[in-house]
Amino acid sequence: MKFAVFLAALAAVYCSVDAKHTPPKVLLYSRNAGEFGKDNVLICHVSDFHPPDITIQLMKDGVEIPNAEQTDLAFKANWHFHLTRNVHFTPAAGEKFSCRVTHGTKVTEHAWEPNM
């Protein structure tokens, strides 16, 4: 699988001479409705970006949450990439959860809205 990711990245670099920089679309949500004290999964899905130079961090009160898992980098026929990162968490009142995305040199932070 890593070889496939390597080939995808190599092809992207080869094609990036003619490709434009496209910023990512970011969706941050939880698997279940947000409830304080209930186990849940925080999911950050990043899509439609190019080039594939990207880092996704799931944050709690400004500190990266350990043990997050990430899918393999994948792309569509138009060389726009997508990637998902998730982590188990148990939200509590007053805590702030977010997804920090670094694409090239631009950093954006997206807040989780628990809808409670």
Protein backbone atom coordinates (compact mmCIF):
# COMPACT_ATOMS: atom_id res chain seq x y z
CA MET A 1 0.00 0.00 0.00
CA LYS A 2 2.87 2.37 0.75
CA PHE A 3 4.19 1.75 -2.77
CA ALA A 4 0.83 2.91 -4.19
CA VAL A 5 1.02 6.09 -2.10
CA PHE A 6 4.59 6.64 -3.32
CA LEU A 7 3.48 6.24 -6.95
CA ALA A 8 0.57 8.62 -6.41
CA ALA A 9 2.85 11.23 -4.85
CA LEU A 10 5.44 10.80 -7.60
CA ALA A 11 2.79 11.20 -10.28
CA ALA A 12 1.41 14.27 -8.50
CA VAL A 13 4.83 15.91 -8.43
CA TYR A 14 5.31 15.11 -12.10
CA CYS A 15 1.92 16.59 -13.00
CA SER A 16 2.11 19.52 -10.57
CA VAL A 17 4.12 21.61 -13.02
CA ASP A 18 0.89 22.18 -14.92
CA ALA A 19 -1.50 21.85 -11.98
CA LYS A 20 -2.80 24.75 -9.91
CA HIS A 21 -2.66 25.03 -6.14
CA THR A 22 -6.08 24.12 -4.77
CA PRO A 23 -6.77 24.69 -1.05
CA PRO A 24 -8.43 21.84 0.86
CA LYS A 25 -12.07 21.59 1.85
CA VAL A 26 -12.26 20.59 5.52
CA LEU A 27 -15.10 18.83 7.35
CA LEU A 28 -14.77 18.27 11.11
CA TYR A 29 -17.44 16.19 12.80
CA SER A 30 -18.00 13.44 15.34
CA ARG A 31 -19.29 9.94 14.61
CA ASN A 32 -22.14 10.36 17.12
CA ALA A 33 -23.93 13.44 18.39
CA GLY A 34 -21.68 15.32 20.80
CA GLU A 35 -22.49 14.55 24.44
CA PHE A 36 -20.27 15.46 27.37
CA GLY A 37 -18.84 12.39 29.08
CA LYS A 38 -19.75 10.01 26.21
CA ASP A 39 -17.09 8.17 24.17
CA ASN A 40 -17.05 9.34 20.56
CA VAL A 41 -14.81 9.61 17.49
CA LEU A 42 -13.57 12.98 16.17
CA ILE A 43 -13.19 12.90 12.37
CA CYS A 44 -11.45 15.42 10.11
CA HIS A 45 -11.97 14.81 6.38
CA VAL A 46 -9.86 16.93 4.04
CA SER A 47 -10.64 16.83 0.31
CA ASP A 48 -10.17 18.37 -3.13
CA PHE A 49 -6.65 19.70 -2.51
CA HIS A 50 -3.52 19.86 -4.64
CA PRO A 51 -0.57 19.44 -4.27
CA PRO A 52 -0.54 16.57 -1.73
CA ASP A 53 1.77 18.39 0.72
CA ILE A 54 -0.58 18.34 3.74
CA THR A 55 -0.60 17.66 7.49
CA ILE A 56 -3.73 17.07 9.58
CA GLN A 57 -3.68 17.40 13.38
CA LEU A 58 -6.59 16.77 15.73
CA MET A 59 -6.34 19.15 18.68
CA LYS A 60 -7.73 19.40 22.21
CA ASP A 61 -7.32 22.84 23.82
CA GLY A 62 -4.50 23.65 21.38
CA VAL A 63 -2.51 20.42 21.98
CA GLU A 64 -2.37 17.58 19.46
CA ILE A 65 -4.35 14.52 20.55
CA PRO A 66 -2.16 11.38 20.55
CA ASN A 67 -2.99 8.05 18.88
CA ALA A 68 -4.94 9.50 15.95
CA GLU A 69 -5.27 7.28 12.89
CA GLN A 70 -5.12 8.40 9.28
CA THR A 71 -6.24 6.90 5.99
CA ASP A 72 -3.89 6.51 3.05
CA LEU A 73 -3.62 9.48 0.73
CA ALA A 74 -5.97 8.97 -2.22
CA PHE A 75 -6.76 10.98 -5.32
CA LYS A 76 -9.34 11.41 -8.06
CA ALA A 77 -8.73 11.42 -11.81
CA ASN A 78 -8.27 15.23 -11.71
CA TRP A 79 -5.31 14.90 -9.27
CA HIS A 80 -7.24 16.36 -6.35
CA PHE A 81 -6.45 14.46 -3.16
CA HIS A 82 -8.41 13.45 -0.05
CA LEU A 83 -7.41 12.22 3.40
CA THR A 84 -9.18 11.49 6.70
CA ARG A 85 -7.81 11.53 10.26
CA ASN A 86 -9.75 10.36 13.34
CA VAL A 87 -9.30 9.75 17.05
CA HIS A 88 -11.41 8.42 19.92
CA PHE A 89 -12.30 11.13 22.45
CA THR A 90 -14.64 11.89 25.33
CA PRO A 91 -15.62 15.58 25.31
CA ALA A 92 -16.15 17.49 28.56
CA ALA A 93 -17.68 20.92 29.15
CA GLY A 94 -15.23 23.73 28.43
CA GLU A 95 -12.89 21.70 26.20
CA LYS A 96 -12.18 22.95 22.67
CA PHE A 97 -11.58 20.44 19.88
CA SER A 98 -10.31 21.36 16.43
CA CYS A 99 -8.64 20.16 13.26
CA ARG A 100 -5.45 21.98 12.24
CA VAL A 101 -4.60 21.63 8.55
CA THR A 102 -1.25 22.66 7.11
CA HIS A 103 -1.28 22.74 3.30
CA GLY A 104 2.02 23.93 1.92
CA THR A 105 2.76 27.00 4.03
CA LYS A 106 -0.88 27.88 4.93
CA VAL A 107 -2.26 26.76 8.30
CA THR A 108 -6.00 26.77 9.06
CA GLU A 109 -7.83 25.67 12.21
CA HIS A 110 -11.40 24.37 12.17
CA ALA A 111 -13.42 24.15 15.40
CA TRP A 112 -15.63 21.19 16.29
CA GLU A 113 -19.21 22.22 17.09
CA PRO A 114 -20.72 19.62 19.46
CA ASN A 115 -24.36 20.71 18.82
CA MET A 116 -25.25 20.17 22.48
